[in-house]
Amino acid sequence: MVLFFTFPAAIGLSAVGTHLFRLMFPSSSDAELGGIILEWYAPAAIIIALFTVTTATMQGINEQKKVVWAIAVGIAVKVVLNILLVPPFKEIGPILATYAGMGVSVLYTLLHIKKAVGFSIRKLIRSLIPIAIVTAIMAAVVLAVEKGVEAAVPSSMGDKGVDLIVTSAGIIAGMVVFIAGSWRLPVVQGILSARKQR
């Protein structure tokens, strides 16, 4: 359920990142770089949500020590990769290191949960694939709408006006596409069935 909402929110934010950053920080001296960083960092919400869920599960099965180890290993990976990735990738290097570090932590906790309670990682992946597909379609539509609106809006409206219209159009288009595309997904049908039973 958490990932059902996190996927579109994170990817949607990434899709409108540059325009949204310029809209929020119009006086920024390097708005383009800020937008790029936001585009790259926004999807981190997905892996953070996964990490939150897996660590909470680990604590629920009385594996707190393993949680500490997972965090320690993730931090170690991030620190090492920061050193290695910053020179070639500049500002994007720490972001990639964060993904790698948290990814290792999530994998570590998932494997321990599987060992402790027989949790099926394949089942988790299968449940996430439909959400990821709908999210990818949503992102493609958002980017296309952004390009189209950006070309249609006259520059006389000013940068802030253009960014506001483009961002708003992208968000609305993304919401419509994701809601329409996810309506038949098992997680949504499960929520609707549970409400009907009440």
C-alpha atoms as a PDB file:
ATOM      1  CA  MET A   1       0.000   0.000   0.000  1.00  0.00           C
ATOM      2  CA  VAL A   2       2.797   2.412   0.914  1.00  0.00           C
ATOM      3  CA  LEU A   3       4.588   1.765  -2.368  1.00  0.00           C
ATOM      4  CA  PHE A   4       1.360   2.148  -4.344  1.00  0.00           C
ATOM      5  CA  PHE A   5       1.342   5.827  -3.392  1.00  0.00           C
ATOM      6  CA  THR A   6       5.121   6.305  -3.229  1.00  0.00           C
ATOM      7  CA  PHE A   7       5.842   5.112  -6.782  1.00  0.00           C
ATOM      8  CA  PRO A   8       3.742   7.725  -8.640  1.00  0.00           C
ATOM      9  CA  ALA A   9       4.562  10.519  -6.185  1.00  0.00           C
ATOM     10  CA  ALA A  10       8.326   9.994  -6.444  1.00  0.00           C
ATOM     11  CA  ILE A  11       8.461   9.435 -10.203  1.00  0.00           C
ATOM     12  CA  GLY A  12       5.981  12.240 -10.834  1.00  0.00           C
ATOM     13  CA  LEU A  13       8.113  14.633  -8.789  1.00  0.00           C
ATOM     14  CA  SER A  14      11.141  13.547 -10.777  1.00  0.00           C
ATOM     15  CA  ALA A  15       9.311  14.180 -14.056  1.00  0.00           C
ATOM     16  CA  VAL A  16       8.405  17.779 -13.155  1.00  0.00           C
ATOM     17  CA  GLY A  17      11.563  18.373 -11.126  1.00  0.00           C
ATOM     18  CA  THR A  18      13.199  21.195 -13.065  1.00  0.00           C
ATOM     19  CA  HIS A  19      10.057  23.270 -13.557  1.00  0.00           C
ATOM     20  CA  LEU A  20       8.963  22.712  -9.955  1.00  0.00           C
ATOM     21  CA  PHE A  21      12.361  23.700  -8.568  1.00  0.00           C
ATOM     22  CA  ARG A  22      12.398  26.899 -10.631  1.00  0.00           C
ATOM     23  CA  LEU A  23       8.867  27.633  -9.440  1.00  0.00           C
ATOM     24  CA  MET A  24       9.770  27.128  -5.782  1.00  0.00           C
ATOM     25  CA  PHE A  25      13.153  28.863  -5.931  1.00  0.00           C
ATOM     26  CA  PRO A  26      12.877  31.488  -8.688  1.00  0.00           C
ATOM     27  CA  SER A  27      15.802  33.492  -7.336  1.00  0.00           C
ATOM     28  CA  SER A  28      18.172  30.526  -7.239  1.00  0.00           C
ATOM     29  CA  SER A  29      21.475  31.251  -8.972  1.00  0.00           C
ATOM     30  CA  ASP A  30      21.624  27.736 -10.410  1.00  0.00           C
ATOM     31  CA  ALA A  31      18.028  26.610 -10.836  1.00  0.00           C
ATOM     32  CA  GLU A  32      18.889  24.197 -13.643  1.00  0.00           C
ATOM     33  CA  LEU A  33      21.332  22.267 -11.461  1.00  0.00           C
ATOM     34  CA  GLY A  34      18.848  22.269  -8.575  1.00  0.00           C
ATOM     35  CA  GLY A  35      16.183  20.885 -10.884  1.00  0.00           C
ATOM     36  CA  ILE A  36      18.466  18.132 -12.121  1.00  0.00           C
ATOM     37  CA  ILE A  37      19.365  17.127  -8.557  1.00  0.00           C
ATOM     38  CA  LEU A  38      15.667  17.048  -7.631  1.00  0.00           C
ATOM     39  CA  GLU A  39      14.912  14.886 -10.673  1.00  0.00           C
ATOM     40  CA  TRP A  40      17.587  12.395  -9.640  1.00  0.00           C
ATOM     41  CA  TYR A  41      16.840  12.424  -5.916  1.00  0.00           C
ATOM     42  CA  ALA A  42      13.021  12.229  -6.027  1.00  0.00           C
ATOM     43  CA  PRO A  43      12.884   8.465  -6.790  1.00  0.00           C
ATOM     44  CA  ALA A  44      14.866   7.881  -3.583  1.00  0.00           C
ATOM     45  CA  ALA A  45      11.502   8.098  -1.823  1.00  0.00           C
ATOM     46  CA  ILE A  46      10.705   4.636  -3.208  1.00  0.00           C
ATOM     47  CA  ILE A  47      13.742   2.956  -1.693  1.00  0.00           C
ATOM     48  CA  ILE A  48      13.298   4.927   1.541  1.00  0.00           C
ATOM     49  CA  ALA A  49       9.725   3.611   1.759  1.00  0.00           C
ATOM     50  CA  LEU A  50      10.981   0.068   1.166  1.00  0.00           C
ATOM     51  CA  PHE A  51      13.634   0.525   3.837  1.00  0.00           C
ATOM     52  CA  THR A  52      11.069   1.865   6.314  1.00  0.00           C
ATOM     53  CA  VAL A  53       8.734  -1.082   5.738  1.00  0.00           C
ATOM     54  CA  THR A  54      11.463  -3.730   5.926  1.00  0.00           C
ATOM     55  CA  THR A  55      13.097  -2.314   9.054  1.00  0.00           C
ATOM     56  CA  ALA A  56       9.699  -2.025  10.776  1.00  0.00           C
ATOM     57  CA  THR A  57       9.064  -5.668   9.875  1.00  0.00           C
ATOM     58  CA  MET A  58      12.486  -6.649  11.261  1.00  0.00           C
ATOM     59  CA  GLN A  59      11.680  -4.937  14.549  1.00  0.00           C
ATOM     60  CA  GLY A  60       8.310  -6.687  14.595  1.00  0.00           C
ATOM     61  CA  ILE A  61      10.020 -10.084  14.453  1.00  0.00           C
ATOM     62  CA  ASN A  62      12.512  -9.054  17.155  1.00  0.00           C
ATOM     63  CA  GLU A  63      15.523  -8.608  14.854  1.00  0.00           C
ATOM     64  CA  GLN A  64      16.582  -5.135  16.004  1.00  0.00           C
ATOM     65  CA  LYS A  65      20.276  -6.008  15.939  1.00  0.00           C
ATOM     66  CA  LYS A  66      20.015  -6.953  12.279  1.00  0.00           C
ATOM     67  CA  VAL A  67      18.424  -3.557  11.591  1.00  0.00           C
ATOM     68  CA  VAL A  68      21.469  -1.841  13.105  1.00  0.00           C
ATOM     69  CA  TRP A  69      23.718  -3.977  10.919  1.00  0.00           C
ATOM     70  CA  ALA A  70      21.641  -3.152   7.837  1.00  0.00           C
ATOM     71  CA  ILE A  71      21.987   0.571   8.528  1.00  0.00           C
ATOM     72  CA  ALA A  72      25.718   0.252   9.227  1.00  0.00           C
ATOM     73  CA  VAL A  73      26.366  -1.692   6.014  1.00  0.00           C
ATOM     74  CA  GLY A  74      24.314   0.800   3.992  1.00  0.00           C
ATOM     75  CA  ILE A  75      26.215   3.762   5.436  1.00  0.00           C
ATOM     76  CA  ALA A  76      29.549   2.067   4.752  1.00  0.00           C
ATOM     77  CA  VAL A  77      28.601   1.432   1.121  1.00  0.00           C
ATOM     78  CA  LYS A  78      27.443   5.034   0.715  1.00  0.00           C
ATOM     79  CA  VAL A  79      30.631   6.494   2.207  1.00  0.00           C
ATOM     80  CA  VAL A  80      32.882   4.375  -0.018  1.00  0.00           C
ATOM     81  CA  LEU A  81      30.859   5.104  -3.154  1.00  0.00           C
ATOM     82  CA  ASN A  82      30.750   8.819  -2.358  1.00  0.00           C
ATOM     83  CA  ILE A  83      34.529   8.856  -2.634  1.00  0.00           C
ATOM     84  CA  LEU A  84      34.483   6.847  -5.863  1.00  0.00           C
ATOM     85  CA  LEU A  85      31.516   8.437  -7.647  1.00  0.00           C
ATOM     86  CA  VAL A  86      31.837  12.152  -6.900  1.00  0.00           C
ATOM     87  CA  PRO A  87      34.859  12.746  -9.216  1.00  0.00           C
ATOM     88  CA  PRO A  88      33.249  11.258 -12.357  1.00  0.00           C
ATOM     89  CA  PHE A  89      29.606  12.165 -11.685  1.00  0.00           C
ATOM     90  CA  LYS A  90      29.983  15.439  -9.722  1.00  0.00           C
ATOM     91  CA  GLU A  91      26.718  16.418  -7.956  1.00  0.00           C
ATOM     92  CA  ILE A  92      24.974  13.203  -9.049  1.00  0.00           C
ATOM     93  CA  GLY A  93      27.635  11.005  -7.392  1.00  0.00           C
ATOM     94  CA  PRO A  94      26.268  11.264  -3.815  1.00  0.00           C
ATOM     95  CA  ILE A  95      22.771  10.505  -5.103  1.00  0.00           C
ATOM     96  CA  LEU A  96      23.950   7.308  -6.799  1.00  0.00           C
ATOM     97  CA  ALA A  97      25.852   6.399  -3.618  1.00  0.00           C
ATOM     98  CA  THR A  98      22.661   6.901  -1.595  1.00  0.00           C
ATOM     99  CA  TYR A  99      20.717   4.581  -3.894  1.00  0.00           C
ATOM    100  CA  ALA A 100      23.418   1.921  -3.644  1.00  0.00           C
ATOM    101  CA  GLY A 101      23.751   2.190   0.136  1.00  0.00           C
ATOM    102  CA  MET A 102      20.031   2.049   0.813  1.00  0.00           C
ATOM    103  CA  GLY A 103      19.599  -0.673  -1.799  1.00  0.00           C
ATOM    104  CA  VAL A 104      22.111  -2.850   0.037  1.00  0.00           C
ATOM    105  CA  SER A 105      20.331  -2.174   3.336  1.00  0.00           C
ATOM    106  CA  VAL A 106      16.941  -3.098   1.870  1.00  0.00           C
ATOM    107  CA  LEU A 107      18.325  -6.281   0.316  1.00  0.00           C
ATOM    108  CA  TYR A 108      19.975  -7.201   3.623  1.00  0.00           C
ATOM    109  CA  THR A 109      16.709  -6.796   5.558  1.00  0.00           C
ATOM    110  CA  LEU A 110      14.628  -8.565   2.910  1.00  0.00           C
ATOM    111  CA  LEU A 111      16.911 -11.597   2.972  1.00  0.00           C
ATOM    112  CA  HIS A 112      16.704 -11.785   6.759  1.00  0.00           C
ATOM    113  CA  ILE A 113      12.911 -11.451   6.682  1.00  0.00           C
ATOM    114  CA  LYS A 114      12.767 -14.239   4.105  1.00  0.00           C
ATOM    115  CA  LYS A 115      14.950 -16.431   6.299  1.00  0.00           C
ATOM    116  CA  ALA A 116      13.029 -15.662   9.494  1.00  0.00           C
ATOM    117  CA  VAL A 117       9.406 -15.942   8.334  1.00  0.00           C
ATOM    118  CA  GLY A 118       9.582 -17.441   4.844  1.00  0.00           C
ATOM    119  CA  PHE A 119       8.705 -14.164   3.127  1.00  0.00           C
ATOM    120  CA  SER A 120       8.551 -14.436  -0.680  1.00  0.00           C
ATOM    121  CA  ILE A 121      10.660 -11.769  -2.383  1.00  0.00           C
ATOM    122  CA  ARG A 122       9.392 -12.964  -5.784  1.00  0.00           C
ATOM    123  CA  LYS A 123       5.831 -12.330  -4.688  1.00  0.00           C
ATOM    124  CA  LEU A 124       6.797  -8.803  -3.647  1.00  0.00           C
ATOM    125  CA  ILE A 125       8.430  -8.158  -7.013  1.00  0.00           C
ATOM    126  CA  ARG A 126       5.400  -9.545  -8.881  1.00  0.00           C
ATOM    127  CA  SER A 127       3.092  -7.246  -6.915  1.00  0.00           C
ATOM    128  CA  LEU A 128       5.273  -4.216  -7.703  1.00  0.00           C
ATOM    129  CA  ILE A 129       5.594  -4.835 -11.457  1.00  0.00           C
ATOM    130  CA  PRO A 130       2.046  -3.637 -12.378  1.00  0.00           C
ATOM    131  CA  ILE A 131       2.500  -0.505 -10.256  1.00  0.00           C
ATOM    132  CA  ALA A 132       5.873   0.168 -11.889  1.00  0.00           C
ATOM    133  CA  ILE A 133       4.391  -0.264 -15.389  1.00  0.00           C
ATOM    134  CA  VAL A 134       1.515   2.154 -14.722  1.00  0.00           C
ATOM    135  CA  THR A 135       3.971   4.593 -13.147  1.00  0.00           C
ATOM    136  CA  ALA A 136       6.272   4.391 -16.185  1.00  0.00           C
ATOM    137  CA  ILE A 137       3.333   5.125 -18.509  1.00  0.00           C
ATOM    138  CA  MET A 138       2.341   8.025 -16.258  1.00  0.00           C
ATOM    139  CA  ALA A 139       5.877   9.446 -16.371  1.00  0.00           C
ATOM    140  CA  ALA A 140       5.991   9.217 -20.177  1.00  0.00           C
ATOM    141  CA  VAL A 141       2.672  11.067 -20.449  1.00  0.00           C
ATOM    142  CA  VAL A 142       3.812  13.737 -17.972  1.00  0.00           C
ATOM    143  CA  LEU A 143       7.012  14.355 -19.944  1.00  0.00           C
ATOM    144  CA  ALA A 144       5.069  14.520 -23.213  1.00  0.00           C
ATOM    145  CA  VAL A 145       2.522  16.935 -21.733  1.00  0.00           C
ATOM    146  CA  GLU A 146       5.333  19.074 -20.337  1.00  0.00           C
ATOM    147  CA  LYS A 147       6.996  19.329 -23.750  1.00  0.00           C
ATOM    148  CA  GLY A 148       3.716  20.119 -25.487  1.00  0.00           C
ATOM    149  CA  VAL A 149       2.588  22.740 -22.975  1.00  0.00           C
ATOM    150  CA  GLU A 150       6.051  24.274 -22.823  1.00  0.00           C
ATOM    151  CA  ALA A 151       5.986  24.757 -26.607  1.00  0.00           C
ATOM    152  CA  ALA A 152       2.438  26.136 -26.568  1.00  0.00           C
ATOM    153  CA  VAL A 153       2.735  28.626 -23.709  1.00  0.00           C
ATOM    154  CA  PRO A 154       3.988  32.024 -24.918  1.00  0.00           C
ATOM    155  CA  SER A 155       7.267  33.187 -23.416  1.00  0.00           C
ATOM    156  CA  SER A 156       5.637  36.568 -22.737  1.00  0.00           C
ATOM    157  CA  MET A 157       4.111  34.979 -19.608  1.00  0.00           C
ATOM    158  CA  GLY A 158       7.545  34.965 -18.038  1.00  0.00           C
ATOM    159  CA  ASP A 159       9.553  32.063 -16.621  1.00  0.00           C
ATOM    160  CA  LYS A 160       7.443  31.777 -13.474  1.00  0.00           C
ATOM    161  CA  GLY A 161       4.187  31.710 -15.438  1.00  0.00           C
ATOM    162  CA  VAL A 162       5.505  29.082 -17.829  1.00  0.00           C
ATOM    163  CA  ASP A 163       6.820  26.925 -14.982  1.00  0.00           C
ATOM    164  CA  LEU A 164       3.490  27.189 -13.122  1.00  0.00           C
ATOM    165  CA  ILE A 165       1.419  26.148 -16.136  1.00  0.00           C
ATOM    166  CA  VAL A 166       3.788  23.367 -17.215  1.00  0.00           C
ATOM    167  CA  THR A 167       4.048  21.953 -13.674  1.00  0.00           C
ATOM    168  CA  SER A 168       0.292  22.114 -13.113  1.00  0.00           C
ATOM    169  CA  ALA A 169      -0.453  20.449 -16.460  1.00  0.00           C
ATOM    170  CA  GLY A 170       2.083  17.711 -15.765  1.00  0.00           C
ATOM    171  CA  ILE A 171       0.710  16.987 -12.286  1.00  0.00           C
ATOM    172  CA  ILE A 172      -2.907  16.868 -13.474  1.00  0.00           C
ATOM    173  CA  ALA A 173      -2.034  14.643 -16.436  1.00  0.00           C
ATOM    174  CA  GLY A 174      -0.027  12.328 -14.179  1.00  0.00           C
ATOM    175  CA  MET A 175      -2.847  11.992 -11.658  1.00  0.00           C
ATOM    176  CA  VAL A 176      -5.430  11.234 -14.341  1.00  0.00           C
ATOM    177  CA  VAL A 177      -3.243   8.632 -16.066  1.00  0.00           C
ATOM    178  CA  PHE A 178      -2.212   6.887 -12.832  1.00  0.00           C
ATOM    179  CA  ILE A 179      -5.736   6.736 -11.423  1.00  0.00           C
ATOM    180  CA  ALA A 180      -7.121   5.452 -14.718  1.00  0.00           C
ATOM    181  CA  GLY A 181      -4.304   2.957 -15.197  1.00  0.00           C
ATOM    182  CA  SER A 182      -4.257   1.612 -11.644  1.00  0.00           C
ATOM    183  CA  TRP A 183      -8.013   1.280 -11.202  1.00  0.00           C
ATOM    184  CA  ARG A 184      -7.953  -2.445 -11.939  1.00  0.00           C
ATOM    185  CA  LEU A 185      -4.807  -3.276 -10.010  1.00  0.00           C
ATOM    186  CA  PRO A 186      -5.245  -5.855  -7.212  1.00  0.00           C
ATOM    187  CA  VAL A 187      -4.247  -3.391  -4.489  1.00  0.00           C
ATOM    188  CA  VAL A 188      -6.987  -0.932  -5.515  1.00  0.00           C
ATOM    189  CA  GLN A 189      -9.595  -3.659  -5.897  1.00  0.00           C
ATOM    190  CA  GLY A 190      -8.634  -4.954  -2.465  1.00  0.00           C
ATOM    191  CA  ILE A 191      -9.251  -1.526  -0.926  1.00  0.00           C
ATOM    192  CA  LEU A 192     -12.607  -1.186  -2.688  1.00  0.00           C
ATOM    193  CA  SER A 193     -13.679  -4.682  -1.610  1.00  0.00           C
ATOM    194  CA  ALA A 194     -12.722  -3.982   1.996  1.00  0.00           C
ATOM    195  CA  ARG A 195     -14.815  -0.793   1.998  1.00  0.00           C
ATOM    196  CA  LYS A 196     -17.802  -2.584   0.506  1.00  0.00           C
ATOM    197  CA  GLN A 197     -17.621  -5.241   3.212  1.00  0.00           C
ATOM    198  CA  ARG A 198     -17.801  -2.532   5.891  1.00  0.00           C
END
